[in-house]
Amino acid sequence: MKVPSGEIFTEEDIELLKLMAKYGFIRWSEEPYKLKSGIMSHVYVFGREDLTDHPELLVAIGRKISERVHQVMKRDKDTRQPCLIGIPIAGIPLATATSLYDAMHVKNPAQAICYRIMRQKIKEHGAHHNWIDGRPDFKKYRYIAIDNVIAGGDSKIEAAERFENDGYPGKDLDQIIFIDREQGGPELLVKRGFKKPEIVFKLFDITFVYEKLGLWSAESIKKVEDEIKAHQFI
């Protein structure tokens, strides 16, 4: 299926989007949600118990992200081992699912996509007092931050400071965003000196598919499009 961005969605992509709707990874609500930016929105991207309670969705998302990671590595002719770092909280299960899926489907599991954990806050006990478990090794690994969604990019900016504190790149770190709300977030990050993030899905492509499949009404999709266009960050 050809979508508004010009991308061609495969049957696997369509099945993934169906699962995302079925389990509420992306939801429409008459009662608007308040986003981190303060904007009120009728559509919200979750990525919490809707993922961890439903392994079939988690595996399907892991497959899609694994596919994108390998495309990036091949494009850049990078032979290092890719290592995902999930931005808390929603990015953590994405990184975990991708790593486990990849280990089961690559020829050499020892070189599969691995991942590290970023904390929400610094521990005051134990042996690890950093934001991220593990010191960076840039010769062996290519580190890629991952998160479920981007609107204005505030959480990515906050995470960059934590990366820098632990010896990882901040603005120069590779990033994969699963869903772009198409409010100018990626462009705003670039304007602030960040590396351009890789986007897996764009919101208007998803809503286009949901209307075609009869999962969301044309009226609700029009409301989403109008509110997104009314709240651009750049």
C-alpha atoms as a PDB file:
ATOM      1  CA  MET A   1       0.000   0.000   0.000  1.00  0.00           C
ATOM      2  CA  LYS A   2       1.336   3.422  -0.964  1.00  0.00           C
ATOM      3  CA  VAL A   3       0.959   5.985   1.853  1.00  0.00           C
ATOM      4  CA  PRO A   4       1.042   9.822   1.835  1.00  0.00           C
ATOM      5  CA  SER A   5       4.800  10.060   2.538  1.00  0.00           C
ATOM      6  CA  GLY A   6       5.477   8.031  -0.616  1.00  0.00           C
ATOM      7  CA  GLU A   7       6.547   4.918   1.320  1.00  0.00           C
ATOM      8  CA  ILE A   8       5.231   1.519   0.301  1.00  0.00           C
ATOM      9  CA  PHE A   9       3.901  -0.472   3.257  1.00  0.00           C
ATOM     10  CA  THR A  10       4.281  -4.232   3.048  1.00  0.00           C
ATOM     11  CA  GLU A  11       1.742  -6.772   4.277  1.00  0.00           C
ATOM     12  CA  GLU A  12       3.871  -7.164   7.413  1.00  0.00           C
ATOM     13  CA  ASP A  13       3.727  -3.404   7.981  1.00  0.00           C
ATOM     14  CA  ILE A  14      -0.070  -3.405   7.655  1.00  0.00           C
ATOM     15  CA  GLU A  15      -0.377  -6.312  10.089  1.00  0.00           C
ATOM     16  CA  LEU A  16       1.848  -4.446  12.542  1.00  0.00           C
ATOM     17  CA  LEU A  17      -0.320  -1.332  12.316  1.00  0.00           C
ATOM     18  CA  LYS A  18      -3.398  -3.480  12.938  1.00  0.00           C
ATOM     19  CA  LEU A  19      -1.804  -4.870  16.111  1.00  0.00           C
ATOM     20  CA  MET A  20      -0.878  -1.358  17.221  1.00  0.00           C
ATOM     21  CA  ALA A  21      -4.541  -0.359  16.903  1.00  0.00           C
ATOM     22  CA  LYS A  22      -5.827  -3.585  18.482  1.00  0.00           C
ATOM     23  CA  TYR A  23      -3.735  -3.262  21.635  1.00  0.00           C
ATOM     24  CA  GLY A  24      -3.816   0.525  21.938  1.00  0.00           C
ATOM     25  CA  PHE A  25      -0.221   1.378  21.119  1.00  0.00           C
ATOM     26  CA  ILE A  26      -1.677   4.351  19.269  1.00  0.00           C
ATOM     27  CA  ARG A  27      -5.079   5.598  20.413  1.00  0.00           C
ATOM     28  CA  TRP A  28      -7.751   8.072  19.406  1.00  0.00           C
ATOM     29  CA  SER A  29      -9.818   9.626  22.204  1.00  0.00           C
ATOM     30  CA  GLU A  30     -12.670  12.142  22.263  1.00  0.00           C
ATOM     31  CA  GLU A  31     -11.160  13.364  25.536  1.00  0.00           C
ATOM     32  CA  PRO A  32      -7.772  14.878  24.550  1.00  0.00           C
ATOM     33  CA  TYR A  33      -4.492  13.852  26.179  1.00  0.00           C
ATOM     34  CA  LYS A  34      -2.003  16.387  27.501  1.00  0.00           C
ATOM     35  CA  LEU A  35       1.421  15.938  25.865  1.00  0.00           C
ATOM     36  CA  LYS A  36       4.800  16.715  27.451  1.00  0.00           C
ATOM     37  CA  SER A  37       4.851  19.943  25.447  1.00  0.00           C
ATOM     38  CA  GLY A  38       1.578  21.015  27.078  1.00  0.00           C
ATOM     39  CA  ILE A  39      -0.404  20.591  23.857  1.00  0.00           C
ATOM     40  CA  MET A  40      -3.760  18.816  24.107  1.00  0.00           C
ATOM     41  CA  SER A  41      -4.167  16.060  21.514  1.00  0.00           C
ATOM     42  CA  HIS A  42      -6.837  13.511  20.550  1.00  0.00           C
ATOM     43  CA  VAL A  43      -4.198  10.984  19.515  1.00  0.00           C
ATOM     44  CA  TYR A  44      -1.560   9.500  21.794  1.00  0.00           C
ATOM     45  CA  VAL A  45       1.319   7.075  21.281  1.00  0.00           C
ATOM     46  CA  PHE A  46       1.722   4.773  24.286  1.00  0.00           C
ATOM     47  CA  GLY A  47       4.314   1.953  24.377  1.00  0.00           C
ATOM     48  CA  ARG A  48       3.995   0.757  27.941  1.00  0.00           C
ATOM     49  CA  GLU A  49       1.709  -2.071  29.158  1.00  0.00           C
ATOM     50  CA  ASP A  50       0.132  -2.135  25.695  1.00  0.00           C
ATOM     51  CA  LEU A  51       3.533  -3.515  24.593  1.00  0.00           C
ATOM     52  CA  THR A  52       4.677  -5.542  27.563  1.00  0.00           C
ATOM     53  CA  ASP A  53       1.268  -7.226  28.025  1.00  0.00           C
ATOM     54  CA  HIS A  54       1.106  -8.316  24.377  1.00  0.00           C
ATOM     55  CA  PRO A  55       4.182 -10.230  23.174  1.00  0.00           C
ATOM     56  CA  GLU A  56       2.912 -10.577  19.602  1.00  0.00           C
ATOM     57  CA  LEU A  57       2.924  -6.791  19.241  1.00  0.00           C
ATOM     58  CA  LEU A  58       6.290  -6.525  20.963  1.00  0.00           C
ATOM     59  CA  VAL A  59       7.812  -9.084  18.568  1.00  0.00           C
ATOM     60  CA  ALA A  60       6.300  -7.389  15.510  1.00  0.00           C
ATOM     61  CA  ILE A  61       7.727  -4.016  16.546  1.00  0.00           C
ATOM     62  CA  GLY A  62      11.088  -5.643  17.278  1.00  0.00           C
ATOM     63  CA  ARG A  63      11.107  -7.021  13.738  1.00  0.00           C
ATOM     64  CA  LYS A  64      10.403  -3.629  12.193  1.00  0.00           C
ATOM     65  CA  ILE A  65      13.050  -1.804  14.210  1.00  0.00           C
ATOM     66  CA  SER A  66      15.596  -4.578  13.558  1.00  0.00           C
ATOM     67  CA  GLU A  67      14.952  -4.141   9.852  1.00  0.00           C
ATOM     68  CA  ARG A  68      15.568  -0.396  10.074  1.00  0.00           C
ATOM     69  CA  VAL A  69      18.749  -0.772  12.154  1.00  0.00           C
ATOM     70  CA  HIS A  70      20.266  -3.153   9.604  1.00  0.00           C
ATOM     71  CA  GLN A  71      19.305  -0.811   6.770  1.00  0.00           C
ATOM     72  CA  VAL A  72      21.166   2.017   8.508  1.00  0.00           C
ATOM     73  CA  MET A  73      24.241  -0.112   9.206  1.00  0.00           C
ATOM     74  CA  LYS A  74      24.345  -1.353   5.599  1.00  0.00           C
ATOM     75  CA  ARG A  75      23.811   2.145   4.178  1.00  0.00           C
ATOM     76  CA  ASP A  76      26.713   3.514   6.216  1.00  0.00           C
ATOM     77  CA  LYS A  77      28.902   0.433   5.636  1.00  0.00           C
ATOM     78  CA  ASP A  78      29.348   0.222   9.403  1.00  0.00           C
ATOM     79  CA  THR A  79      30.636  -3.176  10.556  1.00  0.00           C
ATOM     80  CA  ARG A  80      30.399  -2.507  14.282  1.00  0.00           C
ATOM     81  CA  GLN A  81      27.767  -4.179  16.436  1.00  0.00           C
ATOM     82  CA  PRO A  82      24.661  -1.998  16.783  1.00  0.00           C
ATOM     83  CA  CYS A  83      23.680  -1.257  20.372  1.00  0.00           C
ATOM     84  CA  LEU A  84      20.320   0.325  21.186  1.00  0.00           C
ATOM     85  CA  ILE A  85      19.761   2.503  24.243  1.00  0.00           C
ATOM     86  CA  GLY A  86      16.085   2.985  25.037  1.00  0.00           C
ATOM     87  CA  ILE A  87      15.035   6.391  26.344  1.00  0.00           C
ATOM     88  CA  PRO A  88      12.917   5.695  29.458  1.00  0.00           C
ATOM     89  CA  ILE A  89      10.333   4.449  29.788  1.00  0.00           C
ATOM     90  CA  ALA A  90       8.840   3.558  26.430  1.00  0.00           C
ATOM     91  CA  GLY A  91      12.176   3.178  24.635  1.00  0.00           C
ATOM     92  CA  ILE A  92      13.343   0.362  26.919  1.00  0.00           C
ATOM     93  CA  PRO A  93      10.941  -2.387  25.738  1.00  0.00           C
ATOM     94  CA  LEU A  94      11.551  -1.296  22.134  1.00  0.00           C
ATOM     95  CA  ALA A  95      15.298  -1.842  22.554  1.00  0.00           C
ATOM     96  CA  THR A  96      14.767  -5.143  24.365  1.00  0.00           C
ATOM     97  CA  ALA A  97      12.320  -6.527  21.787  1.00  0.00           C
ATOM     98  CA  THR A  98      14.573  -5.545  18.899  1.00  0.00           C
ATOM     99  CA  SER A  99      17.625  -7.215  20.421  1.00  0.00           C
ATOM    100  CA  LEU A 100      15.827 -10.471  21.221  1.00  0.00           C
ATOM    101  CA  TYR A 101      14.156 -10.621  17.802  1.00  0.00           C
ATOM    102  CA  ASP A 102      17.461  -9.974  16.062  1.00  0.00           C
ATOM    103  CA  ALA A 103      19.346 -12.628  18.038  1.00  0.00           C
ATOM    104  CA  MET A 104      16.837 -15.211  16.844  1.00  0.00           C
ATOM    105  CA  HIS A 105      17.033 -14.248  13.176  1.00  0.00           C
ATOM    106  CA  VAL A 106      20.644 -13.322  12.328  1.00  0.00           C
ATOM    107  CA  LYS A 107      23.270 -15.815  11.205  1.00  0.00           C
ATOM    108  CA  ASN A 108      25.626 -14.926  14.058  1.00  0.00           C
ATOM    109  CA  PRO A 109      23.685 -14.255  17.288  1.00  0.00           C
ATOM    110  CA  ALA A 110      26.879 -13.035  18.967  1.00  0.00           C
ATOM    111  CA  GLN A 111      26.803 -10.050  16.609  1.00  0.00           C
ATOM    112  CA  ALA A 112      23.073  -9.382  16.936  1.00  0.00           C
ATOM    113  CA  ILE A 113      21.713  -5.987  17.918  1.00  0.00           C
ATOM    114  CA  CYS A 114      22.364  -5.575  21.640  1.00  0.00           C
ATOM    115  CA  TYR A 115      21.038  -2.981  24.068  1.00  0.00           C
ATOM    116  CA  ARG A 116      21.797  -1.041  27.228  1.00  0.00           C
ATOM    117  CA  ILE A 117      19.567   0.414  29.900  1.00  0.00           C
ATOM    118  CA  MET A 118      19.164   4.122  30.616  1.00  0.00           C
ATOM    119  CA  ARG A 119      17.712   4.992  34.017  1.00  0.00           C
ATOM    120  CA  GLN A 120      15.079   7.551  34.887  1.00  0.00           C
ATOM    121  CA  LYS A 121      17.157   8.739  37.815  1.00  0.00           C
ATOM    122  CA  ILE A 122      20.630   8.128  39.253  1.00  0.00           C
ATOM    123  CA  LYS A 123      20.889   5.313  41.801  1.00  0.00           C
ATOM    124  CA  GLU A 124      22.115   6.189  45.294  1.00  0.00           C
ATOM    125  CA  HIS A 125      23.013   2.580  46.160  1.00  0.00           C
ATOM    126  CA  GLY A 126      24.914  -0.322  44.591  1.00  0.00           C
ATOM    127  CA  ALA A 127      27.889  -0.203  42.255  1.00  0.00           C
ATOM    128  CA  HIS A 128      26.344   1.599  39.256  1.00  0.00           C
ATOM    129  CA  HIS A 129      25.787   5.333  39.666  1.00  0.00           C
ATOM    130  CA  ASN A 130      25.534   6.336  36.012  1.00  0.00           C
ATOM    131  CA  TRP A 131      22.556   7.078  33.809  1.00  0.00           C
ATOM    132  CA  ILE A 132      23.480   4.204  31.484  1.00  0.00           C
ATOM    133  CA  ASP A 133      24.699   0.747  32.454  1.00  0.00           C
ATOM    134  CA  GLY A 134      28.065   0.140  30.777  1.00  0.00           C
ATOM    135  CA  ARG A 135      30.876   2.359  29.593  1.00  0.00           C
ATOM    136  CA  PRO A 136      30.930   3.264  25.894  1.00  0.00           C
ATOM    137  CA  ASP A 137      33.207   1.339  23.516  1.00  0.00           C
ATOM    138  CA  PHE A 138      33.009   3.120  20.171  1.00  0.00           C
ATOM    139  CA  LYS A 139      35.363   0.744  18.377  1.00  0.00           C
ATOM    140  CA  LYS A 140      33.096  -2.224  18.997  1.00  0.00           C
ATOM    141  CA  TYR A 141      29.617  -0.684  19.111  1.00  0.00           C
ATOM    142  CA  ARG A 142      27.527   1.838  17.239  1.00  0.00           C
ATOM    143  CA  TYR A 143      25.181   3.300  19.820  1.00  0.00           C
ATOM    144  CA  ILE A 144      21.674   4.275  18.768  1.00  0.00           C
ATOM    145  CA  ALA A 145      19.122   5.916  21.052  1.00  0.00           C
ATOM    146  CA  ILE A 146      15.550   4.750  20.545  1.00  0.00           C
ATOM    147  CA  ASP A 147      12.189   6.138  21.634  1.00  0.00           C
ATOM    148  CA  ASN A 148       8.543   5.516  20.832  1.00  0.00           C
ATOM    149  CA  VAL A 149       7.514   8.957  19.588  1.00  0.00           C
ATOM    150  CA  ILE A 150       8.597  12.514  18.859  1.00  0.00           C
ATOM    151  CA  ALA A 151       6.487  15.652  19.033  1.00  0.00           C
ATOM    152  CA  GLY A 152       8.714  18.616  19.896  1.00  0.00           C
ATOM    153  CA  GLY A 153      11.773  16.637  20.953  1.00  0.00           C
ATOM    154  CA  ASP A 154      11.989  17.729  24.605  1.00  0.00           C
ATOM    155  CA  SER A 155      12.661  14.213  25.941  1.00  0.00           C
ATOM    156  CA  LYS A 156      15.434  13.731  23.362  1.00  0.00           C
ATOM    157  CA  ILE A 157      17.103  16.966  24.485  1.00  0.00           C
ATOM    158  CA  GLU A 158      16.920  15.885  28.128  1.00  0.00           C
ATOM    159  CA  ALA A 159      18.354  12.466  27.241  1.00  0.00           C
ATOM    160  CA  ALA A 160      21.264  14.075  25.355  1.00  0.00           C
ATOM    161  CA  GLU A 161      22.521  15.645  28.589  1.00  0.00           C
ATOM    162  CA  ARG A 162      22.455  12.261  30.305  1.00  0.00           C
ATOM    163  CA  PHE A 163      24.326  10.628  27.430  1.00  0.00           C
ATOM    164  CA  GLU A 164      27.027  13.292  27.585  1.00  0.00           C
ATOM    165  CA  ASN A 165      27.378  12.891  31.343  1.00  0.00           C
ATOM    166  CA  ASP A 166      28.202   9.199  30.807  1.00  0.00           C
ATOM    167  CA  GLY A 167      30.686   9.711  27.973  1.00  0.00           C
ATOM    168  CA  TYR A 168      28.350   9.031  25.057  1.00  0.00           C
ATOM    169  CA  PRO A 169      27.668  11.522  22.284  1.00  0.00           C
ATOM    170  CA  GLY A 170      24.795  13.874  23.004  1.00  0.00           C
ATOM    171  CA  LYS A 171      23.718  15.716  19.895  1.00  0.00           C
ATOM    172  CA  ASP A 172      25.834  13.489  17.623  1.00  0.00           C
ATOM    173  CA  LEU A 173      24.274  10.233  18.811  1.00  0.00           C
ATOM    174  CA  ASP A 174      22.254   8.258  16.264  1.00  0.00           C
ATOM    175  CA  GLN A 175      18.539   8.131  17.055  1.00  0.00           C
ATOM    176  CA  ILE A 176      15.632   6.002  15.886  1.00  0.00           C
ATOM    177  CA  ILE A 177      12.113   7.276  16.558  1.00  0.00           C
ATOM    178  CA  PHE A 178       9.327   4.761  16.061  1.00  0.00           C
ATOM    179  CA  ILE A 179       6.560   7.305  15.332  1.00  0.00           C
ATOM    180  CA  ASP A 180       6.928  10.912  14.221  1.00  0.00           C
ATOM    181  CA  ARG A 181       3.829  12.962  15.087  1.00  0.00           C
ATOM    182  CA  GLU A 182       4.801  15.242  12.185  1.00  0.00           C
ATOM    183  CA  GLN A 183       4.836  18.402  14.286  1.00  0.00           C
ATOM    184  CA  GLY A 184       8.368  19.385  13.253  1.00  0.00           C
ATOM    185  CA  GLY A 185      10.223  17.554  16.028  1.00  0.00           C
ATOM    186  CA  PRO A 186      12.983  16.000  13.883  1.00  0.00           C
ATOM    187  CA  GLU A 187      13.561  19.292  12.080  1.00  0.00           C
ATOM    188  CA  LEU A 188      13.707  21.151  15.401  1.00  0.00           C
ATOM    189  CA  LEU A 189      16.352  18.734  16.703  1.00  0.00           C
ATOM    190  CA  VAL A 190      18.467  19.305  13.587  1.00  0.00           C
ATOM    191  CA  LYS A 191      18.078  23.062  13.994  1.00  0.00           C
ATOM    192  CA  ARG A 192      19.424  22.702  17.546  1.00  0.00           C
ATOM    193  CA  GLY A 193      22.480  20.818  16.311  1.00  0.00           C
ATOM    194  CA  PHE A 194      21.321  17.223  16.703  1.00  0.00           C
ATOM    195  CA  LYS A 195      21.921  14.490  14.176  1.00  0.00           C
ATOM    196  CA  LYS A 196      18.812  13.896  12.049  1.00  0.00           C
ATOM    197  CA  PRO A 197      16.857  10.983  13.569  1.00  0.00           C
ATOM    198  CA  GLU A 198      15.723   7.917  11.644  1.00  0.00           C
ATOM    199  CA  ILE A 199      11.924   7.722  11.548  1.00  0.00           C
ATOM    200  CA  VAL A 200      10.191   4.330  11.303  1.00  0.00           C
ATOM    201  CA  PHE A 201       6.586   5.502  10.866  1.00  0.00           C
ATOM    202  CA  LYS A 202       4.937   8.879  10.288  1.00  0.00           C
ATOM    203  CA  LEU A 203       1.622   9.608  11.956  1.00  0.00           C
ATOM    204  CA  PHE A 204      -0.260  10.676   8.820  1.00  0.00           C
ATOM    205  CA  ASP A 205       0.793   7.448   7.082  1.00  0.00           C
ATOM    206  CA  ILE A 206      -0.641   5.465   9.991  1.00  0.00           C
ATOM    207  CA  THR A 207      -3.933   7.372  10.064  1.00  0.00           C
ATOM    208  CA  PHE A 208      -4.210   6.969   6.282  1.00  0.00           C
ATOM    209  CA  VAL A 209      -3.990   3.183   6.697  1.00  0.00           C
ATOM    210  CA  TYR A 210      -6.446   3.201   9.611  1.00  0.00           C
ATOM    211  CA  GLU A 211      -9.013   5.058   7.518  1.00  0.00           C
ATOM    212  CA  LYS A 212      -8.528   2.663   4.590  1.00  0.00           C
ATOM    213  CA  LEU A 213      -8.993  -0.324   6.924  1.00  0.00           C
ATOM    214  CA  GLY A 214     -12.017   1.227   8.618  1.00  0.00           C
ATOM    215  CA  LEU A 215     -10.292   1.255  12.014  1.00  0.00           C
ATOM    216  CA  TRP A 216     -10.675   5.007  12.533  1.00  0.00           C
ATOM    217  CA  SER A 217     -13.395   7.249  11.146  1.00  0.00           C
ATOM    218  CA  ALA A 218     -12.667   9.903   8.552  1.00  0.00           C
ATOM    219  CA  GLU A 219     -13.981  12.501  11.015  1.00  0.00           C
ATOM    220  CA  SER A 220     -11.545  11.517  13.775  1.00  0.00           C
ATOM    221  CA  ILE A 221      -8.617  11.474  11.348  1.00  0.00           C
ATOM    222  CA  LYS A 222      -9.559  14.955  10.110  1.00  0.00           C
ATOM    223  CA  LYS A 223      -9.499  16.183  13.728  1.00  0.00           C
ATOM    224  CA  VAL A 224      -6.024  14.714  14.218  1.00  0.00           C
ATOM    225  CA  GLU A 225      -4.698  16.270  11.022  1.00  0.00           C
ATOM    226  CA  ASP A 226      -6.162  19.682  11.889  1.00  0.00           C
ATOM    227  CA  GLU A 227      -4.718  19.710  15.416  1.00  0.00           C
ATOM    228  CA  ILE A 228      -1.285  18.549  14.234  1.00  0.00           C
ATOM    229  CA  LYS A 229      -1.150  21.244  11.587  1.00  0.00           C
ATOM    230  CA  ALA A 230      -2.227  23.822  14.191  1.00  0.00           C
ATOM    231  CA  HIS A 231       0.586  22.883  16.594  1.00  0.00           C
ATOM    232  CA  GLN A 232       3.848  22.903  14.683  1.00  0.00           C
ATOM    233  CA  PHE A 233       7.143  23.400  16.527  1.00  0.00           C
ATOM    234  CA  ILE A 234       9.008  24.754  13.521  1.00  0.00           C
END
